[in-house]
N, C-alpha and C. Protein backbone atom coordinates (compact mmCIF):
# COMPACT_ATOMS: atom_id res chain seq x y z
N MET A 1 12.64 -22.08 15.49
CA MET A 1 11.52 -21.77 14.30
C MET A 1 11.45 -20.55 14.45
N ASN A 2 11.30 -19.55 13.32
CA ASN A 2 10.55 -17.91 14.12
C ASN A 2 9.65 -17.60 14.90
N ASN A 3 9.62 -16.96 15.60
CA ASN A 3 8.20 -17.17 16.09
C ASN A 3 7.10 -15.98 15.36
N ASN A 4 7.87 -15.23 13.82
CA ASN A 4 6.29 -15.11 12.97
C ASN A 4 6.58 -16.10 12.26
N GLN A 5 6.42 -17.22 12.37
CA GLN A 5 6.39 -18.39 11.06
C GLN A 5 5.68 -19.59 11.60
N ILE A 6 4.66 -19.60 11.06
CA ILE A 6 4.35 -20.91 11.28
C ILE A 6 4.32 -22.10 11.03
N CYS A 7 4.44 -23.25 11.05
CA CYS A 7 5.22 -24.24 10.37
C CYS A 7 4.49 -25.51 11.08
N ASN A 8 5.28 -26.43 10.60
CA ASN A 8 5.15 -28.07 10.85
C ASN A 8 6.07 -28.74 11.12
N PRO A 9 6.05 -29.58 11.93
CA PRO A 9 7.77 -30.47 12.60
C PRO A 9 7.78 -30.31 11.15
N LYS A 10 8.80 -30.41 10.58
CA LYS A 10 10.03 -30.43 9.17
C LYS A 10 10.44 -32.11 9.26
N VAL A 11 10.10 -32.48 8.06
CA VAL A 11 10.81 -34.39 8.35
C VAL A 11 11.90 -33.87 7.07
N GLU A 12 12.88 -34.70 8.12
CA GLU A 12 14.00 -34.81 7.81
C GLU A 12 14.30 -35.89 6.53
N VAL A 13 15.14 -35.46 5.40
CA VAL A 13 15.27 -35.89 3.75
C VAL A 13 17.02 -35.09 3.42
N SER A 14 17.14 -37.15 3.00
CA SER A 14 18.71 -36.54 2.79
C SER A 14 18.94 -35.42 2.29
N ASN A 15 20.19 -35.30 1.90
CA ASN A 15 21.49 -33.99 1.87
C ASN A 15 21.84 -34.59 0.47
N GLY A 16 22.59 -33.98 -0.34
CA GLY A 16 23.91 -34.08 -1.60
C GLY A 16 23.50 -33.97 -2.24
N LYS A 17 23.96 -34.42 -3.64
CA LYS A 17 22.96 -34.50 -5.02
C LYS A 17 22.33 -34.67 -5.78
N ASN A 18 21.74 -36.08 -4.98
CA ASN A 18 20.32 -36.71 -5.39
C ASN A 18 19.20 -35.53 -4.79
N PHE A 19 18.62 -35.42 -5.28
CA PHE A 19 16.72 -35.25 -5.57
C PHE A 19 17.15 -36.16 -4.13
N ASN A 20 15.50 -35.75 -3.18
CA ASN A 20 14.85 -36.05 -2.22
C ASN A 20 13.63 -35.51 -2.71
N ASP A 21 12.92 -35.97 -1.35
CA ASP A 21 11.14 -36.31 -1.70
C ASP A 21 10.86 -34.65 -1.46
N LYS A 22 11.39 -33.98 -0.80
CA LYS A 22 11.72 -31.99 -0.89
C LYS A 22 11.60 -31.53 -2.48
N ASP A 23 12.33 -31.97 -2.61
CA ASP A 23 13.01 -31.45 -4.29
C ASP A 23 12.10 -32.24 -5.17
N TYR A 24 11.87 -33.05 -4.77
CA TYR A 24 11.20 -33.96 -6.67
C TYR A 24 9.24 -33.14 -6.14
N MET A 25 8.76 -32.85 -4.60
CA MET A 25 8.13 -32.08 -4.38
C MET A 25 7.83 -30.39 -4.60
N ASN A 26 8.98 -29.63 -4.96
CA ASN A 26 9.00 -28.44 -4.53
C ASN A 26 9.29 -28.63 -6.53
N SER A 27 9.90 -29.25 -6.67
CA SER A 27 9.80 -29.07 -8.66
C SER A 27 8.14 -29.42 -8.87
N ILE A 28 7.67 -30.32 -8.39
CA ILE A 28 6.56 -30.14 -9.09
C ILE A 28 5.39 -29.45 -8.92
N LEU A 29 5.70 -28.74 -7.26
CA LEU A 29 5.05 -27.19 -6.88
C LEU A 29 4.85 -26.13 -7.66
N SER A 30 6.19 -26.13 -8.67
CA SER A 30 7.39 -25.25 -9.03
C SER A 30 6.39 -24.98 -10.87
N CYS A 31 6.47 -26.03 -11.24
CA CYS A 31 5.72 -27.10 -11.96
C CYS A 31 4.57 -25.96 -12.27
N LEU A 32 3.49 -26.78 -11.11
CA LEU A 32 2.34 -26.39 -11.26
C LEU A 32 2.03 -24.99 -11.13
N LYS A 33 3.16 -24.49 -10.94
CA LYS A 33 2.76 -22.68 -10.39
C LYS A 33 2.56 -22.45 -11.34
N GLU A 34 3.30 -22.68 -12.77
CA GLU A 34 3.48 -22.34 -13.60
C GLU A 34 2.95 -22.36 -14.64
N MET A 35 2.36 -23.60 -14.80
CA MET A 35 0.96 -24.52 -15.82
C MET A 35 -0.06 -23.19 -14.93
N CYS A 36 -0.59 -23.19 -13.89
CA CYS A 36 -1.75 -22.00 -12.96
C CYS A 36 -1.42 -20.44 -14.47
N LYS A 37 -0.27 -20.39 -14.42
CA LYS A 37 -0.04 -19.33 -14.20
C LYS A 37 -0.35 -19.29 -16.20
N ASN A 38 -0.36 -19.72 -16.69
CA ASN A 38 0.18 -19.91 -18.50
C ASN A 38 -1.91 -19.80 -18.52
N TYR A 39 -2.52 -21.01 -18.23
CA TYR A 39 -3.78 -21.71 -18.33
C TYR A 39 -4.62 -20.39 -18.17
N ALA A 40 -3.91 -19.86 -17.31
CA ALA A 40 -4.68 -18.50 -17.33
C ALA A 40 -5.15 -17.29 -17.89
N VAL A 41 -3.10 -17.50 -18.37
CA VAL A 41 -3.82 -16.44 -19.81
C VAL A 41 -4.12 -16.72 -21.20
N ALA A 42 -4.29 -18.03 -20.82
CA ALA A 42 -4.63 -18.87 -22.00
C ALA A 42 -6.83 -18.62 -21.88
N LEU A 43 -7.17 -18.70 -20.82
CA LEU A 43 -8.55 -18.40 -20.46
C LEU A 43 -8.84 -17.27 -21.46
N THR A 44 -7.75 -16.31 -21.01
CA THR A 44 -8.17 -15.02 -21.21
C THR A 44 -8.37 -15.11 -22.87
N GLU A 45 -7.05 -15.62 -23.26
CA GLU A 45 -7.55 -14.88 -25.27
C GLU A 45 -8.48 -16.40 -25.52
N ALA A 46 -8.32 -17.12 -24.93
CA ALA A 46 -9.44 -18.46 -25.51
C ALA A 46 -10.57 -17.22 -26.41
N SER A 47 -10.37 -18.05 -27.32
CA SER A 47 -11.26 -17.59 -29.22
C SER A 47 -12.85 -17.55 -29.05
N ASN A 48 -13.54 -18.78 -28.24
CA ASN A 48 -15.03 -19.21 -28.71
C ASN A 48 -14.99 -19.92 -26.82
N GLU A 49 -15.88 -20.50 -27.15
CA GLU A 49 -16.60 -20.70 -25.39
C GLU A 49 -16.39 -22.26 -25.55
N LYS A 50 -15.95 -22.98 -26.41
CA LYS A 50 -15.54 -24.48 -26.23
C LYS A 50 -14.36 -24.49 -25.80
N LEU A 51 -13.17 -23.44 -25.96
CA LEU A 51 -11.76 -23.82 -26.24
C LEU A 51 -11.91 -23.09 -24.48
N TYR A 52 -12.62 -22.03 -24.04
CA TYR A 52 -12.29 -21.75 -23.08
C TYR A 52 -12.78 -22.27 -21.97
N ASN A 53 -13.68 -23.17 -22.08
CA ASN A 53 -14.06 -24.67 -20.98
C ASN A 53 -13.66 -25.73 -21.48
N GLU A 54 -12.85 -25.83 -22.39
CA GLU A 54 -11.73 -27.17 -22.25
C GLU A 54 -10.35 -26.66 -21.40
N TYR A 55 -9.81 -24.84 -21.89
CA TYR A 55 -9.05 -24.67 -20.71
C TYR A 55 -8.96 -24.07 -19.81
N LYS A 56 -10.57 -24.38 -19.37
CA LYS A 56 -10.72 -24.41 -18.07
C LYS A 56 -11.24 -25.25 -17.22
N LYS A 57 -11.36 -26.37 -17.61
CA LYS A 57 -11.32 -27.53 -17.38
C LYS A 57 -9.72 -27.69 -16.23
N ILE A 58 -9.12 -28.02 -17.31
CA ILE A 58 -7.60 -28.06 -17.74
C ILE A 58 -7.17 -27.42 -16.02
N PHE A 59 -6.78 -26.04 -16.56
CA PHE A 59 -6.99 -25.21 -15.68
C PHE A 59 -7.03 -25.82 -14.08
N ASP A 60 -8.67 -25.96 -13.93
CA ASP A 60 -8.89 -26.44 -12.52
C ASP A 60 -8.23 -27.34 -11.85
N GLU A 61 -8.03 -28.20 -12.59
CA GLU A 61 -7.26 -29.64 -12.29
C GLU A 61 -5.46 -28.74 -12.57
N TYR A 62 -5.05 -28.86 -12.82
CA TYR A 62 -3.91 -27.30 -12.23
C TYR A 62 -3.86 -26.91 -11.32
N SER A 63 -5.11 -26.63 -11.16
CA SER A 63 -4.90 -25.26 -9.39
C SER A 63 -5.10 -26.35 -8.67
N LYS A 64 -5.69 -27.53 -8.96
CA LYS A 64 -6.20 -28.27 -7.97
C LYS A 64 -5.30 -29.46 -7.65
N SER A 65 -4.78 -29.50 -8.24
CA SER A 65 -2.59 -30.52 -8.31
C SER A 65 -2.24 -29.33 -7.39
N GLN A 66 -2.08 -28.48 -7.82
CA GLN A 66 -1.05 -26.99 -7.21
C GLN A 66 -1.15 -27.18 -5.55
N ARG A 67 -2.52 -26.91 -5.02
CA ARG A 67 -3.05 -26.85 -3.76
C ARG A 67 -2.49 -28.14 -3.13
N GLU A 68 -2.60 -28.86 -3.81
CA GLU A 68 -3.04 -30.46 -2.79
C GLU A 68 -0.60 -30.86 -2.35
N VAL A 69 -0.50 -30.44 -3.38
CA VAL A 69 1.24 -30.29 -3.52
C VAL A 69 1.40 -29.77 -2.09
N TYR A 70 1.24 -28.31 -2.23
CA TYR A 70 1.22 -27.29 -1.24
C TYR A 70 1.05 -28.01 0.17
N GLU A 71 -0.60 -28.08 0.66
CA GLU A 71 -0.52 -29.18 1.44
C GLU A 71 0.24 -29.70 2.16
N LEU A 72 0.55 -30.28 1.87
CA LEU A 72 1.77 -31.95 1.39
C LEU A 72 2.78 -30.98 1.58
N MET A 73 3.12 -30.50 1.20
CA MET A 73 4.66 -30.34 2.04
C MET A 73 4.59 -28.90 2.84
N PHE A 74 3.56 -28.74 3.48
CA PHE A 74 3.27 -27.23 4.59
C PHE A 74 3.01 -28.03 5.10
N ARG A 75 1.90 -29.77 5.60
CA ARG A 75 1.97 -30.94 6.64
C ARG A 75 3.78 -31.25 6.93
N ASN A 76 4.60 -31.78 5.64
CA ASN A 76 5.86 -31.52 5.72
C ASN A 76 6.71 -31.13 7.03
N GLY A 77 6.42 -29.83 6.40
CA GLY A 77 7.31 -28.57 7.88
C GLY A 77 7.93 -28.28 5.78
N TRP A 78 8.25 -28.49 5.17
CA TRP A 78 9.25 -27.77 3.72
C TRP A 78 8.26 -26.52 3.52
N TYR A 79 7.19 -26.47 3.72
CA TYR A 79 6.51 -24.59 3.33
C TYR A 79 6.35 -24.09 4.34
N CYS A 80 7.19 -22.59 4.81
CA CYS A 80 6.46 -22.47 5.96
C CYS A 80 5.67 -21.11 5.69
N LEU A 81 4.14 -20.29 6.59
CA LEU A 81 4.26 -19.39 6.52
C LEU A 81 4.84 -17.97 6.92
N GLU A 82 4.56 -17.17 7.28
CA GLU A 82 5.27 -15.87 7.88
C GLU A 82 3.89 -14.76 8.67
N LYS A 83 3.73 -15.26 10.03
CA LYS A 83 2.77 -14.51 10.35
C LYS A 83 2.99 -13.02 10.46
N ALA A 84 1.38 -12.25 9.21
CA ALA A 84 1.82 -10.69 9.53
C ALA A 84 1.52 -10.32 11.18
N GLU A 85 1.76 -9.02 11.61
CA GLU A 85 1.15 -8.16 12.25
C GLU A 85 0.09 -7.58 11.64
N THR A 86 -0.65 -7.54 12.88
CA THR A 86 -1.58 -6.64 12.71
C THR A 86 -1.85 -5.24 11.87
N GLU A 87 -0.86 -4.73 12.60
CA GLU A 87 -0.59 -2.73 11.42
C GLU A 87 -0.07 -3.26 10.18
N LYS A 88 1.34 -4.89 10.21
CA LYS A 88 0.83 -4.79 8.18
C LYS A 88 0.21 -4.33 8.12
N ILE A 89 -0.93 -5.19 8.37
CA ILE A 89 -1.93 -5.46 7.55
C ILE A 89 -3.10 -4.56 7.44
N ASN A 90 -2.95 -4.07 8.04
CA ASN A 90 -3.76 -2.58 8.11
C ASN A 90 -3.70 -1.20 7.65
N ASN A 91 -2.00 -1.48 7.33
CA ASN A 91 -0.90 0.08 6.80
C ASN A 91 -1.50 -0.73 4.85
N LYS A 92 -0.85 -2.56 4.92
CA LYS A 92 -1.50 -3.19 3.39
C LYS A 92 -2.96 -2.19 2.96
N TYR A 93 -3.85 -2.54 3.91
CA TYR A 93 -5.75 -2.24 2.46
C TYR A 93 -5.18 -0.46 3.12
N GLN A 94 -5.31 -0.35 3.98
CA GLN A 94 -4.93 1.66 3.78
C GLN A 94 -4.06 2.13 2.66
N SER A 95 -2.82 1.39 2.15
CA SER A 95 -2.82 2.03 1.27
C SER A 95 -3.23 0.70 -0.32
N LEU A 96 -4.06 0.07 -0.04
CA LEU A 96 -4.62 -0.51 -0.98
C LEU A 96 -6.50 -0.23 -1.44
N THR A 97 -6.19 0.69 -0.30
CA THR A 97 -8.05 1.48 -0.56
C THR A 97 -7.74 3.09 -1.32
N GLN A 98 -6.35 3.22 -0.35
CA GLN A 98 -6.68 4.93 -1.14
C GLN A 98 -6.04 4.18 -2.56
N GLU A 99 -5.38 3.73 -2.83
CA GLU A 99 -5.22 3.22 -4.45
C GLU A 99 -6.68 2.73 -5.04
N LEU A 100 -7.30 2.19 -4.58
CA LEU A 100 -8.58 2.36 -5.35
C LEU A 100 -9.79 3.40 -5.18
N THR A 101 -9.26 4.35 -4.76
CA THR A 101 -10.30 5.57 -4.20
C THR A 101 -9.02 6.32 -4.98
N SER A 102 -8.14 6.09 -6.38
CA SER A 102 -7.54 7.02 -6.31
C SER A 102 -8.16 6.54 -8.30
N LEU A 103 -7.98 5.65 -8.54
CA LEU A 103 -8.36 4.81 -9.27
C LEU A 103 -9.85 4.92 -9.79
N ASN A 104 -10.29 5.47 -8.48
CA ASN A 104 -11.94 5.47 -9.31
C ASN A 104 -12.46 6.73 -8.82
N GLY A 105 -11.40 7.89 -8.96
CA GLY A 105 -11.25 9.14 -8.28
C GLY A 105 -12.39 9.70 -9.52
């Protein structure tokens, strides 16, 4: 494991043509992420408050499910994060601050 990665011990799964647990979870996560994106668009285009509220309930459920699947994958070591160096974070912050300043300018 790379020193810049944040991971849990990986739960080994079988290799081959058949889907394993990691493959199923990855597929579910991808679908849930796509559904969240689609409902976010639907929320911005809802024509009335009742429709908006219904879409919002569905969006919240998909978002919650997406987070739960991600957390399960992370706990199983199937999803790793990368540590960002302080300098990299500061550079990005400065870049975004300058961009915001120019937009407000």
